[in-house]
Amino acid sequence: MHTAVNIFIALVWLINGFVCKLLNLVPRHQLIVGRILGHRHAFLFTKIIGALEVLMSAWIVSGIFSPLCAIIQIAVITLMNVIEFVIASDLLLFRKGNIVIAMLLCAVIYINAFIL
């Protein structure tokens, strides 16, 4: 079960980083980054964020320092979603409901890292 959940979590990061941001198949992500960090450098920042998300998926799959990885994931997801909720909720897929999805993902990450 733990391995399957790890793969699921890694896929979430990989799809969001590679498909949505690096390949720009979901342009809304760049609009959100632009709204938060400024439109002038939104393309570059979106690519950097996407690359970091791909690296996060690799870290998850590696299993190295799993508890630290989980804590960082939860912190990043929480911070990112609170900022998006306040500044760019109109651009989010589920609008203000995105934060509920994010907290569910954080719960899955926590349970997988510290309970399973």
PDB file of N, CA and C in Angstrom:
ATOM      1  N   MET A   1       0.827  -1.197   0.000  1.00  0.00           N
ATOM      2  CA  MET A   1       0.000   0.000   0.000  1.00  0.00           C
ATOM      3  C   MET A   1       0.867   1.255   0.000  1.00  0.00           C
ATOM      4  N   HIS A   2       1.887   1.272   0.851  1.00  0.00           N
ATOM      5  CA  HIS A   2       2.780   2.432   0.957  1.00  0.00           C
ATOM      6  C   HIS A   2       3.423   2.749  -0.396  1.00  0.00           C
ATOM      7  N   THR A   3       3.892   1.737  -1.096  1.00  0.00           N
ATOM      8  CA  THR A   3       4.547   1.945  -2.399  1.00  0.00           C
ATOM      9  C   THR A   3       3.559   2.509  -3.419  1.00  0.00           C
ATOM     10  N   ALA A   4       2.359   1.974  -3.450  1.00  0.00           N
ATOM     11  CA  ALA A   4       1.343   2.453  -4.396  1.00  0.00           C
ATOM     12  C   ALA A   4       0.990   3.915  -4.127  1.00  0.00           C
ATOM     13  N   VAL A   5       0.848   4.271  -2.865  1.00  0.00           N
ATOM     14  CA  VAL A   5       0.523   5.655  -2.514  1.00  0.00           C
ATOM     15  C   VAL A   5       1.704   6.566  -2.860  1.00  0.00           C
ATOM     16  N   ASN A   6       2.924   6.097  -2.618  1.00  0.00           N
ATOM     17  CA  ASN A   6       4.118   6.863  -2.989  1.00  0.00           C
ATOM     18  C   ASN A   6       4.130   7.164  -4.484  1.00  0.00           C
ATOM     19  N   ILE A   7       3.822   6.166  -5.278  1.00  0.00           N
ATOM     20  CA  ILE A   7       3.801   6.346  -6.732  1.00  0.00           C
ATOM     21  C   ILE A   7       2.712   7.348  -7.120  1.00  0.00           C
ATOM     22  N   PHE A   8       1.544   7.241  -6.494  1.00  0.00           N
ATOM     23  CA  PHE A   8       0.464   8.192  -6.765  1.00  0.00           C
ATOM     24  C   PHE A   8       0.907   9.623  -6.456  1.00  0.00           C
ATOM     25  N   ILE A   9       1.496   9.831  -5.286  1.00  0.00           N
ATOM     26  CA  ILE A   9       1.937  11.170  -4.879  1.00  0.00           C
ATOM     27  C   ILE A   9       3.008  11.685  -5.843  1.00  0.00           C
ATOM     28  N   ALA A  10       3.959  10.829  -6.188  1.00  0.00           N
ATOM     29  CA  ALA A  10       5.008  11.225  -7.133  1.00  0.00           C
ATOM     30  C   ALA A  10       4.407  11.606  -8.487  1.00  0.00           C
ATOM     31  N   LEU A  11       3.402  10.871  -8.923  1.00  0.00           N
ATOM     32  CA  LEU A  11       2.746  11.183 -10.201  1.00  0.00           C
ATOM     33  C   LEU A  11       2.039  12.537 -10.165  1.00  0.00           C
ATOM     34  N   VAL A  12       1.460  12.878  -9.021  1.00  0.00           N
ATOM     35  CA  VAL A  12       0.818  14.195  -8.886  1.00  0.00           C
ATOM     36  C   VAL A  12       1.855  15.293  -9.121  1.00  0.00           C
ATOM     37  N   TRP A  13       3.017  15.171  -8.483  1.00  0.00           N
ATOM     38  CA  TRP A  13       4.082  16.163  -8.656  1.00  0.00           C
ATOM     39  C   TRP A  13       4.618  16.146 -10.085  1.00  0.00           C
ATOM     40  N   LEU A  14       4.816  14.968 -10.629  1.00  0.00           N
ATOM     41  CA  LEU A  14       5.361  14.847 -11.984  1.00  0.00           C
ATOM     42  C   LEU A  14       4.413  15.448 -13.025  1.00  0.00           C
ATOM     43  N   ILE A  15       3.150  15.130 -12.945  1.00  0.00           N
ATOM     44  CA  ILE A  15       2.181  15.655 -13.912  1.00  0.00           C
ATOM     45  C   ILE A  15       2.066  17.170 -13.787  1.00  0.00           C
ATOM     46  N   ASN A  16       1.973  17.663 -12.564  1.00  0.00           N
ATOM     47  CA  ASN A  16       1.871  19.116 -12.382  1.00  0.00           C
ATOM     48  C   ASN A  16       3.135  19.834 -12.830  1.00  0.00           C
ATOM     49  N   GLY A  17       4.286  19.248 -12.553  1.00  0.00           N
ATOM     50  CA  GLY A  17       5.544  19.888 -12.930  1.00  0.00           C
ATOM     51  C   GLY A  17       5.868  19.764 -14.403  1.00  0.00           C
ATOM     52  N   PHE A  18       5.863  18.541 -14.909  1.00  0.00           N
ATOM     53  CA  PHE A  18       6.297  18.307 -16.286  1.00  0.00           C
ATOM     54  C   PHE A  18       5.220  18.666 -17.308  1.00  0.00           C
ATOM     55  N   VAL A  19       4.054  18.060 -17.138  1.00  0.00           N
ATOM     56  CA  VAL A  19       2.987  18.244 -18.128  1.00  0.00           C
ATOM     57  C   VAL A  19       2.403  19.657 -18.068  1.00  0.00           C
ATOM     58  N   CYS A  20       2.011  20.070 -16.878  1.00  0.00           N
ATOM     59  CA  CYS A  20       1.320  21.357 -16.750  1.00  0.00           C
ATOM     60  C   CYS A  20       2.244  22.560 -16.897  1.00  0.00           C
ATOM     61  N   LYS A  21       3.449  22.479 -16.321  1.00  0.00           N
ATOM     62  CA  LYS A  21       4.308  23.659 -16.300  1.00  0.00           C
ATOM     63  C   LYS A  21       5.434  23.614 -17.330  1.00  0.00           C
ATOM     64  N   LEU A  22       6.209  22.554 -17.380  1.00  0.00           N
ATOM     65  CA  LEU A  22       7.323  22.515 -18.331  1.00  0.00           C
ATOM     66  C   LEU A  22       6.834  22.411 -19.771  1.00  0.00           C
ATOM     67  N   LEU A  23       5.845  21.563 -20.018  1.00  0.00           N
ATOM     68  CA  LEU A  23       5.293  21.460 -21.370  1.00  0.00           C
ATOM     69  C   LEU A  23       4.240  22.531 -21.639  1.00  0.00           C
ATOM     70  N   ASN A  24       3.815  23.230 -20.599  1.00  0.00           N
ATOM     71  CA  ASN A  24       2.812  24.300 -20.668  1.00  0.00           C
ATOM     72  C   ASN A  24       1.503  23.813 -21.295  1.00  0.00           C
ATOM     73  N   LEU A  25       1.107  22.582 -20.979  1.00  0.00           N
ATOM     74  CA  LEU A  25      -0.155  22.065 -21.496  1.00  0.00           C
ATOM     75  C   LEU A  25      -1.353  22.594 -20.714  1.00  0.00           C
ATOM     76  N   VAL A  26      -1.078  23.256 -19.588  1.00  0.00           N
ATOM     77  CA  VAL A  26      -2.134  23.920 -18.819  1.00  0.00           C
ATOM     78  C   VAL A  26      -1.663  25.358 -18.581  1.00  0.00           C
ATOM     79  N   PRO A  27      -1.906  26.246 -19.560  1.00  0.00           N
ATOM     80  CA  PRO A  27      -1.404  27.632 -19.482  1.00  0.00           C
ATOM     81  C   PRO A  27      -1.876  28.395 -18.243  1.00  0.00           C
ATOM     82  N   ARG A  28      -2.955  27.948 -17.638  1.00  0.00           N
ATOM     83  CA  ARG A  28      -3.479  28.575 -16.425  1.00  0.00           C
ATOM     84  C   ARG A  28      -2.415  28.632 -15.330  1.00  0.00           C
ATOM     85  N   HIS A  29      -1.520  27.641 -15.302  1.00  0.00           N
ATOM     86  CA  HIS A  29      -0.466  27.624 -14.278  1.00  0.00           C
ATOM     87  C   HIS A  29       0.438  28.847 -14.415  1.00  0.00           C
ATOM     88  N   GLN A  30       0.782  29.191 -15.638  1.00  0.00           N
ATOM     89  CA  GLN A  30       1.629  30.370 -15.845  1.00  0.00           C
ATOM     90  C   GLN A  30       0.882  31.654 -15.486  1.00  0.00           C
ATOM     91  N   LEU A  31      -0.414  31.695 -15.726  1.00  0.00           N
ATOM     92  CA  LEU A  31      -1.212  32.854 -15.329  1.00  0.00           C
ATOM     93  C   LEU A  31      -1.228  33.018 -13.809  1.00  0.00           C
ATOM     94  N   ILE A  32      -1.336  31.886 -13.106  1.00  0.00           N
ATOM     95  CA  ILE A  32      -1.333  31.919 -11.640  1.00  0.00           C
ATOM     96  C   ILE A  32       0.021  32.410 -11.135  1.00  0.00           C
ATOM     97  N   VAL A  33       1.100  31.870 -11.689  1.00  0.00           N
ATOM     98  CA  VAL A  33       2.449  32.296 -11.298  1.00  0.00           C
ATOM     99  C   VAL A  33       2.621  33.786 -11.598  1.00  0.00           C
ATOM    100  N   GLY A  34       2.142  34.223 -12.744  1.00  0.00           N
ATOM    101  CA  GLY A  34       2.241  35.633 -13.107  1.00  0.00           C
ATOM    102  C   GLY A  34       1.489  36.532 -12.151  1.00  0.00           C
ATOM    103  N   ARG A  35       0.318  36.100 -11.741  1.00  0.00           N
ATOM    104  CA  ARG A  35      -0.479  36.889 -10.808  1.00  0.00           C
ATOM    105  C   ARG A  35       0.248  37.034  -9.472  1.00  0.00           C
ATOM    106  N   ILE A  36       0.923  35.975  -9.053  1.00  0.00           N
ATOM    107  CA  ILE A  36       1.561  35.963  -7.734  1.00  0.00           C
ATOM    108  C   ILE A  36       2.956  36.588  -7.770  1.00  0.00           C
ATOM    109  N   LEU A  37       3.770  36.216  -8.756  1.00  0.00           N
ATOM    110  CA  LEU A  37       5.173  36.649  -8.794  1.00  0.00           C
ATOM    111  C   LEU A  37       5.460  37.736  -9.823  1.00  0.00           C
ATOM    112  N   GLY A  38       4.460  38.100 -10.608  1.00  0.00           N
ATOM    113  CA  GLY A  38       4.632  39.129 -11.625  1.00  0.00           C
ATOM    114  C   GLY A  38       4.681  38.532 -13.018  1.00  0.00           C
ATOM    115  N   HIS A  39       3.980  39.157 -13.927  1.00  0.00           N
ATOM    116  CA  HIS A  39       3.862  38.621 -15.278  1.00  0.00           C
ATOM    117  C   HIS A  39       5.154  38.719 -16.087  1.00  0.00           C
ATOM    118  N   ARG A  40       6.001  39.647 -15.735  1.00  0.00           N
ATOM    119  CA  ARG A  40       7.231  39.854 -16.504  1.00  0.00           C
ATOM    120  C   ARG A  40       8.099  38.598 -16.575  1.00  0.00           C
ATOM    121  N   HIS A  41       8.201  37.899 -15.467  1.00  0.00           N
ATOM    122  CA  HIS A  41       9.054  36.715 -15.405  1.00  0.00           C
ATOM    123  C   HIS A  41       8.255  35.425 -15.171  1.00  0.00           C
ATOM    124  N   ALA A  42       6.960  35.468 -15.455  1.00  0.00           N
ATOM    125  CA  ALA A  42       6.090  34.314 -15.184  1.00  0.00           C
ATOM    126  C   ALA A  42       6.529  33.069 -15.948  1.00  0.00           C
ATOM    127  N   PHE A  43       6.955  33.231 -17.192  1.00  0.00           N
ATOM    128  CA  PHE A  43       7.386  32.074 -17.986  1.00  0.00           C
ATOM    129  C   PHE A  43       8.554  31.373 -17.308  1.00  0.00           C
ATOM    130  N   LEU A  44       9.582  32.149 -16.940  1.00  0.00           N
ATOM    131  CA  LEU A  44      10.774  31.590 -16.303  1.00  0.00           C
ATOM    132  C   LEU A  44      10.441  30.960 -14.948  1.00  0.00           C
ATOM    133  N   PHE A  45       9.692  31.691 -14.119  1.00  0.00           N
ATOM    134  CA  PHE A  45       9.353  31.162 -12.796  1.00  0.00           C
ATOM    135  C   PHE A  45       8.507  29.893 -12.908  1.00  0.00           C
ATOM    136  N   THR A  46       7.609  29.842 -13.885  1.00  0.00           N
ATOM    137  CA  THR A  46       6.787  28.651 -14.078  1.00  0.00           C
ATOM    138  C   THR A  46       7.654  27.454 -14.438  1.00  0.00           C
ATOM    139  N   LYS A  47       8.644  27.666 -15.293  1.00  0.00           N
ATOM    140  CA  LYS A  47       9.554  26.579 -15.675  1.00  0.00           C
ATOM    141  C   LYS A  47      10.382  26.116 -14.476  1.00  0.00           C
ATOM    142  N   ILE A  48      10.856  27.056 -13.675  1.00  0.00           N
ATOM    143  CA  ILE A  48      11.645  26.704 -12.483  1.00  0.00           C
ATOM    144  C   ILE A  48      10.793  25.901 -11.510  1.00  0.00           C
ATOM    145  N   ILE A  49       9.570  26.368 -11.261  1.00  0.00           N
ATOM    146  CA  ILE A  49       8.663  25.649 -10.360  1.00  0.00           C
ATOM    147  C   ILE A  49       8.386  24.254 -10.907  1.00  0.00           C
ATOM    148  N   GLY A  50       8.143  24.160 -12.214  1.00  0.00           N
ATOM    149  CA  GLY A  50       7.891  22.859 -12.838  1.00  0.00           C
ATOM    150  C   GLY A  50       9.066  21.906 -12.667  1.00  0.00           C
ATOM    151  N   ALA A  51      10.284  22.420 -12.870  1.00  0.00           N
ATOM    152  CA  ALA A  51      11.478  21.589 -12.704  1.00  0.00           C
ATOM    153  C   ALA A  51      11.617  21.118 -11.250  1.00  0.00           C
ATOM    154  N   LEU A  52      11.328  22.002 -10.312  1.00  0.00           N
ATOM    155  CA  LEU A  52      11.402  21.627  -8.894  1.00  0.00           C
ATOM    156  C   LEU A  52      10.349  20.571  -8.551  1.00  0.00           C
ATOM    157  N   GLU A  53       9.174  20.665  -9.167  1.00  0.00           N
ATOM    158  CA  GLU A  53       8.148  19.652  -8.939  1.00  0.00           C
ATOM    159  C   GLU A  53       8.568  18.298  -9.502  1.00  0.00           C
ATOM    160  N   VAL A  54       9.226  18.299 -10.644  1.00  0.00           N
ATOM    161  CA  VAL A  54       9.747  17.053 -11.210  1.00  0.00           C
ATOM    162  C   VAL A  54      10.804  16.466 -10.273  1.00  0.00           C
ATOM    163  N   LEU A  55      11.671  17.307  -9.752  1.00  0.00           N
ATOM    164  CA  LEU A  55      12.679  16.842  -8.793  1.00  0.00           C
ATOM    165  C   LEU A  55      12.020  16.287  -7.519  1.00  0.00           C
ATOM    166  N   MET A  56      10.924  16.926  -7.092  1.00  0.00           N
ATOM    167  CA  MET A  56      10.198  16.425  -5.914  1.00  0.00           C
ATOM    168  C   MET A  56       9.678  15.022  -6.191  1.00  0.00           C
ATOM    169  N   SER A  57       9.160  14.782  -7.387  1.00  0.00           N
ATOM    170  CA  SER A  57       8.655  13.439  -7.701  1.00  0.00           C
ATOM    171  C   SER A  57       9.782  12.412  -7.656  1.00  0.00           C
ATOM    172  N   ALA A  58      10.967  12.798  -8.131  1.00  0.00           N
ATOM    173  CA  ALA A  58      12.120  11.895  -8.078  1.00  0.00           C
ATOM    174  C   ALA A  58      12.525  11.625  -6.628  1.00  0.00           C
ATOM    175  N   TRP A  59      12.491  12.659  -5.784  1.00  0.00           N
ATOM    176  CA  TRP A  59      12.837  12.493  -4.373  1.00  0.00           C
ATOM    177  C   TRP A  59      11.855  11.523  -3.706  1.00  0.00           C
ATOM    178  N   ILE A  60      10.579  11.678  -4.002  1.00  0.00           N
ATOM    179  CA  ILE A  60       9.572  10.797  -3.409  1.00  0.00           C
ATOM    180  C   ILE A  60       9.849   9.344  -3.785  1.00  0.00           C
ATOM    181  N   VAL A  61      10.093   9.103  -5.055  1.00  0.00           N
ATOM    182  CA  VAL A  61      10.337   7.740  -5.538  1.00  0.00           C
ATOM    183  C   VAL A  61      11.630   7.176  -4.957  1.00  0.00           C
ATOM    184  N   SER A  62      12.627   8.037  -4.736  1.00  0.00           N
ATOM    185  CA  SER A  62      13.910   7.564  -4.208  1.00  0.00           C
ATOM    186  C   SER A  62      13.782   6.994  -2.796  1.00  0.00           C
ATOM    187  N   GLY A  63      12.856   7.523  -2.017  1.00  0.00           N
ATOM    188  CA  GLY A  63      12.681   7.061  -0.648  1.00  0.00           C
ATOM    189  C   GLY A  63      13.713   7.614   0.328  1.00  0.00           C
ATOM    190  N   ILE A  64      14.585   8.482  -0.143  1.00  0.00           N
ATOM    191  CA  ILE A  64      15.629   9.060   0.706  1.00  0.00           C
ATOM    192  C   ILE A  64      15.018  10.125   1.620  1.00  0.00           C
ATOM    193  N   PHE A  65      15.300  10.026   2.910  1.00  0.00           N
ATOM    194  CA  PHE A  65      14.782  10.980   3.900  1.00  0.00           C
ATOM    195  C   PHE A  65      13.278  11.199   3.746  1.00  0.00           C
ATOM    196  N   SER A  66      12.523  10.105   3.679  1.00  0.00           N
ATOM    197  CA  SER A  66      11.073  10.168   3.436  1.00  0.00           C
ATOM    198  C   SER A  66      10.309  11.083   4.398  1.00  0.00           C
ATOM    199  N   PRO A  67      10.574  11.030   5.707  1.00  0.00           N
ATOM    200  CA  PRO A  67       9.829  11.936   6.600  1.00  0.00           C
ATOM    201  C   PRO A  67      10.088  13.417   6.276  1.00  0.00           C
ATOM    202  N   LEU A  68      11.335  13.769   6.001  1.00  0.00           N
ATOM    203  CA  LEU A  68      11.661  15.148   5.642  1.00  0.00           C
ATOM    204  C   LEU A  68      10.982  15.531   4.334  1.00  0.00           C
ATOM    205  N   CYS A  69      10.997  14.624   3.381  1.00  0.00           N
ATOM    206  CA  CYS A  69      10.338  14.848   2.098  1.00  0.00           C
ATOM    207  C   CYS A  69       8.850  15.124   2.312  1.00  0.00           C
ATOM    208  N   ALA A  70       8.215  14.347   3.158  1.00  0.00           N
ATOM    209  CA  ALA A  70       6.785  14.531   3.432  1.00  0.00           C
ATOM    210  C   ALA A  70       6.516  15.884   4.079  1.00  0.00           C
ATOM    211  N   ILE A  71       7.342  16.253   5.041  1.00  0.00           N
ATOM    212  CA  ILE A  71       7.164  17.541   5.724  1.00  0.00           C
ATOM    213  C   ILE A  71       7.311  18.695   4.732  1.00  0.00           C
ATOM    214  N   ILE A  72       8.308  18.621   3.875  1.00  0.00           N
ATOM    215  CA  ILE A  72       8.514  19.674   2.877  1.00  0.00           C
ATOM    216  C   ILE A  72       7.345  19.722   1.897  1.00  0.00           C
ATOM    217  N   GLN A  73       6.868  18.555   1.468  1.00  0.00           N
ATOM    218  CA  GLN A  73       5.708  18.534   0.565  1.00  0.00           C
ATOM    219  C   GLN A  73       4.498  19.208   1.206  1.00  0.00           C
ATOM    220  N   ILE A  74       4.213  18.850   2.435  1.00  0.00           N
ATOM    221  CA  ILE A  74       3.060  19.412   3.133  1.00  0.00           C
ATOM    222  C   ILE A  74       3.211  20.918   3.290  1.00  0.00           C
ATOM    223  N   ALA A  75       4.414  21.370   3.642  1.00  0.00           N
ATOM    224  CA  ALA A  75       4.655  22.812   3.798  1.00  0.00           C
ATOM    225  C   ALA A  75       4.487  23.542   2.463  1.00  0.00           C
ATOM    226  N   VAL A  76       5.056  22.993   1.406  1.00  0.00           N
ATOM    227  CA  VAL A  76       4.980  23.633   0.088  1.00  0.00           C
ATOM    228  C   VAL A  76       3.538  23.677  -0.410  1.00  0.00           C
ATOM    229  N   ILE A  77       2.841  22.560  -0.309  1.00  0.00           N
ATOM    230  CA  ILE A  77       1.449  22.502  -0.772  1.00  0.00           C
ATOM    231  C   ILE A  77       0.583  23.482   0.009  1.00  0.00           C
ATOM    232  N   THR A  78       0.756  23.512   1.327  1.00  0.00           N
ATOM    233  CA  THR A  78      -0.041  24.408   2.166  1.00  0.00           C
ATOM    234  C   THR A  78       0.257  25.868   1.831  1.00  0.00           C
ATOM    235  N   LEU A  79       1.520  26.231   1.790  1.00  0.00           N
ATOM    236  CA  LEU A  79       1.895  27.609   1.498  1.00  0.00           C
ATOM    237  C   LEU A  79       1.410  28.036   0.116  1.00  0.00           C
ATOM    238  N   MET A  80       1.673  27.197  -0.878  1.00  0.00           N
ATOM    239  CA  MET A  80       1.290  27.502  -2.252  1.00  0.00           C
ATOM    240  C   MET A  80      -0.225  27.686  -2.367  1.00  0.00           C
ATOM    241  N   ASN A  81      -0.983  26.821  -1.734  1.00  0.00           N
ATOM    242  CA  ASN A  81      -2.429  26.895  -1.855  1.00  0.00           C
ATOM    243  C   ASN A  81      -3.042  28.044  -1.072  1.00  0.00           C
ATOM    244  N   VAL A  82      -2.469  28.398   0.050  1.00  0.00           N
ATOM    245  CA  VAL A  82      -2.959  29.573   0.781  1.00  0.00           C
ATOM    246  C   VAL A  82      -2.710  30.837  -0.048  1.00  0.00           C
ATOM    247  N   ILE A  83      -1.523  30.953  -0.621  1.00  0.00           N
ATOM    248  CA  ILE A  83      -1.216  32.110  -1.469  1.00  0.00           C
ATOM    249  C   ILE A  83      -2.158  32.157  -2.669  1.00  0.00           C
ATOM    250  N   GLU A  84      -2.345  31.032  -3.340  1.00  0.00           N
ATOM    251  CA  GLU A  84      -3.245  30.975  -4.503  1.00  0.00           C
ATOM    252  C   GLU A  84      -4.680  31.289  -4.093  1.00  0.00           C
ATOM    253  N   PHE A  85      -5.104  30.803  -2.941  1.00  0.00           N
ATOM    254  CA  PHE A  85      -6.454  31.051  -2.440  1.00  0.00           C
ATOM    255  C   PHE A  85      -6.701  32.545  -2.287  1.00  0.00           C
ATOM    256  N   VAL A  86      -5.705  33.244  -1.756  1.00  0.00           N
ATOM    257  CA  VAL A  86      -5.848  34.678  -1.485  1.00  0.00           C
ATOM    258  C   VAL A  86      -5.681  35.518  -2.754  1.00  0.00           C
ATOM    259  N   ILE A  87      -4.713  35.171  -3.593  1.00  0.00           N
ATOM    260  CA  ILE A  87      -4.341  36.041  -4.712  1.00  0.00           C
ATOM    261  C   ILE A  87      -4.937  35.624  -6.058  1.00  0.00           C
ATOM    262  N   ALA A  88      -5.134  34.327  -6.275  1.00  0.00           N
ATOM    263  CA  ALA A  88      -5.513  33.888  -7.624  1.00  0.00           C
ATOM    264  C   ALA A  88      -6.595  32.814  -7.638  1.00  0.00           C
ATOM    265  N   SER A  89      -7.501  32.833  -6.678  1.00  0.00           N
ATOM    266  CA  SER A  89      -8.503  31.759  -6.608  1.00  0.00           C
ATOM    267  C   SER A  89      -9.381  31.699  -7.860  1.00  0.00           C
ATOM    268  N   ASP A  90      -9.563  32.825  -8.533  1.00  0.00           N
ATOM    269  CA  ASP A  90     -10.391  32.832  -9.743  1.00  0.00           C
ATOM    270  C   ASP A  90      -9.741  32.065 -10.900  1.00  0.00           C
ATOM    271  N   LEU A  91      -8.430  31.813 -10.824  1.00  0.00           N
ATOM    272  CA  LEU A  91      -7.721  31.083 -11.875  1.00  0.00           C
ATOM    273  C   LEU A  91      -7.579  29.593 -11.579  1.00  0.00           C
ATOM    274  N   LEU A  92      -7.948  29.183 -10.377  1.00  0.00           N
ATOM    275  CA  LEU A  92      -7.774  27.793  -9.971  1.00  0.00           C
ATOM    276  C   LEU A  92      -8.864  26.908 -10.562  1.00  0.00           C
ATOM    277  N   LEU A  93      -8.533  25.655 -10.807  1.00  0.00           N
ATOM    278  CA  LEU A  93      -9.457  24.706 -11.425  1.00  0.00           C
ATOM    279  C   LEU A  93     -10.761  24.594 -10.642  1.00  0.00           C
ATOM    280  N   PHE A  94     -10.657  24.464  -9.326  1.00  0.00           N
ATOM    281  CA  PHE A  94     -11.845  24.335  -8.481  1.00  0.00           C
ATOM    282  C   PHE A  94     -12.083  25.590  -7.639  1.00  0.00           C
ATOM    283  N   ARG A  95     -11.554  26.713  -8.123  1.00  0.00           N
ATOM    284  CA  ARG A  95     -11.679  28.006  -7.441  1.00  0.00           C
ATOM    285  C   ARG A  95     -11.223  27.862  -5.985  1.00  0.00           C
ATOM    286  N   LYS A  96     -12.005  28.373  -5.054  1.00  0.00           N
ATOM    287  CA  LYS A  96     -11.601  28.309  -3.648  1.00  0.00           C
ATOM    288  C   LYS A  96     -11.647  26.887  -3.092  1.00  0.00           C
ATOM    289  N   GLY A  97     -12.325  25.977  -3.807  1.00  0.00           N
ATOM    290  CA  GLY A  97     -12.369  24.579  -3.395  1.00  0.00           C
ATOM    291  C   GLY A  97     -11.048  23.857  -3.588  1.00  0.00           C
ATOM    292  N   ASN A  98     -10.127  24.476  -4.321  1.00  0.00           N
ATOM    293  CA  ASN A  98      -8.805  23.870  -4.516  1.00  0.00           C
ATOM    294  C   ASN A  98      -8.102  23.600  -3.195  1.00  0.00           C
ATOM    295  N   ILE A  99      -8.343  24.465  -2.225  1.00  0.00           N
ATOM    296  CA  ILE A  99      -7.650  24.304  -0.943  1.00  0.00           C
ATOM    297  C   ILE A  99      -8.101  23.012  -0.251  1.00  0.00           C
ATOM    298  N   VAL A 100      -9.338  22.582  -0.475  1.00  0.00           N
ATOM    299  CA  VAL A 100      -9.829  21.328   0.102  1.00  0.00           C
ATOM    300  C   VAL A 100      -9.078  20.153  -0.516  1.00  0.00           C
ATOM    301  N   ILE A 101      -8.928  20.175  -1.839  1.00  0.00           N
ATOM    302  CA  ILE A 101      -8.183  19.124  -2.542  1.00  0.00           C
ATOM    303  C   ILE A 101      -6.738  19.093  -2.041  1.00  0.00           C
ATOM    304  N   ALA A 102      -6.156  20.270  -1.869  1.00  0.00           N
ATOM    305  CA  ALA A 102      -4.770  20.362  -1.401  1.00  0.00           C
ATOM    306  C   ALA A 102      -4.618  19.771  -0.006  1.00  0.00           C
ATOM    307  N   MET A 103      -5.551  20.054   0.878  1.00  0.00           N
ATOM    308  CA  MET A 103      -5.462  19.535   2.242  1.00  0.00           C
ATOM    309  C   MET A 103      -5.683  18.020   2.270  1.00  0.00           C
ATOM    310  N   LEU A 104      -6.524  17.521   1.373  1.00  0.00           N
ATOM    311  CA  LEU A 104      -6.683  16.069   1.265  1.00  0.00           C
ATOM    312  C   LEU A 104      -5.378  15.421   0.811  1.00  0.00           C
ATOM    313  N   LEU A 105      -4.701  16.049  -0.155  1.00  0.00           N
ATOM    314  CA  LEU A 105      -3.402  15.530  -0.592  1.00  0.00           C
ATOM    315  C   LEU A 105      -2.399  15.575   0.557  1.00  0.00           C
ATOM    316  N   CYS A 106      -2.401  16.645   1.332  1.00  0.00           N
ATOM    317  CA  CYS A 106      -1.504  16.731   2.493  1.00  0.00           C
ATOM    318  C   CYS A 106      -1.797  15.614   3.486  1.00  0.00           C
ATOM    319  N   ALA A 107      -3.066  15.312   3.693  1.00  0.00           N
ATOM    320  CA  ALA A 107      -3.443  14.227   4.606  1.00  0.00           C
ATOM    321  C   ALA A 107      -2.927  12.888   4.087  1.00  0.00           C
ATOM    322  N   VAL A 108      -3.061  12.653   2.795  1.00  0.00           N
ATOM    323  CA  VAL A 108      -2.555  11.408   2.182  1.00  0.00           C
ATOM    324  C   VAL A 108      -1.041  11.320   2.371  1.00  0.00           C
ATOM    325  N   ILE A 109      -0.340  12.416   2.127  1.00  0.00           N
ATOM    326  CA  ILE A 109       1.119  12.447   2.287  1.00  0.00           C
ATOM    327  C   ILE A 109       1.497  12.140   3.733  1.00  0.00           C
ATOM    328  N   TYR A 110       0.813  12.771   4.677  1.00  0.00           N
ATOM    329  CA  TYR A 110       1.099  12.565   6.097  1.00  0.00           C
ATOM    330  C   TYR A 110       0.856  11.101   6.499  1.00  0.00           C
ATOM    331  N   ILE A 111      -0.296  10.587   6.137  1.00  0.00           N
ATOM    332  CA  ILE A 111      -0.635   9.196   6.485  1.00  0.00           C
ATOM    333  C   ILE A 111       0.372   8.230   5.865  1.00  0.00           C
ATOM    334  N   ASN A 112       0.719   8.472   4.608  1.00  0.00           N
ATOM    335  CA  ASN A 112       1.665   7.574   3.929  1.00  0.00           C
ATOM    336  C   ASN A 112       3.048   7.608   4.582  1.00  0.00           C
ATOM    337  N   ALA A 113       3.484   8.790   4.991  1.00  0.00           N
ATOM    338  CA  ALA A 113       4.840   8.919   5.547  1.00  0.00           C
ATOM    339  C   ALA A 113       4.928   8.508   7.010  1.00  0.00           C
ATOM    340  N   PHE A 114       3.888   8.774   7.785  1.00  0.00           N
ATOM    341  CA  PHE A 114       4.015   8.609   9.234  1.00  0.00           C
ATOM    342  C   PHE A 114       3.122   7.535   9.847  1.00  0.00           C
ATOM    343  N   ILE A 115       2.167   7.016   9.084  1.00  0.00           N
ATOM    344  CA  ILE A 115       1.268   6.020   9.644  1.00  0.00           C
ATOM    345  C   ILE A 115       1.395   4.672   8.949  1.00  0.00           C
ATOM    346  N   LEU A 116       1.437   4.688   7.596  1.00  0.00           N
ATOM    347  CA  LEU A 116       1.525   3.408   6.875  1.00  0.00           C
ATOM    348  C   LEU A 116       2.872   2.745   7.059  1.00  0.00           C
TER     349      LEU A 116
END
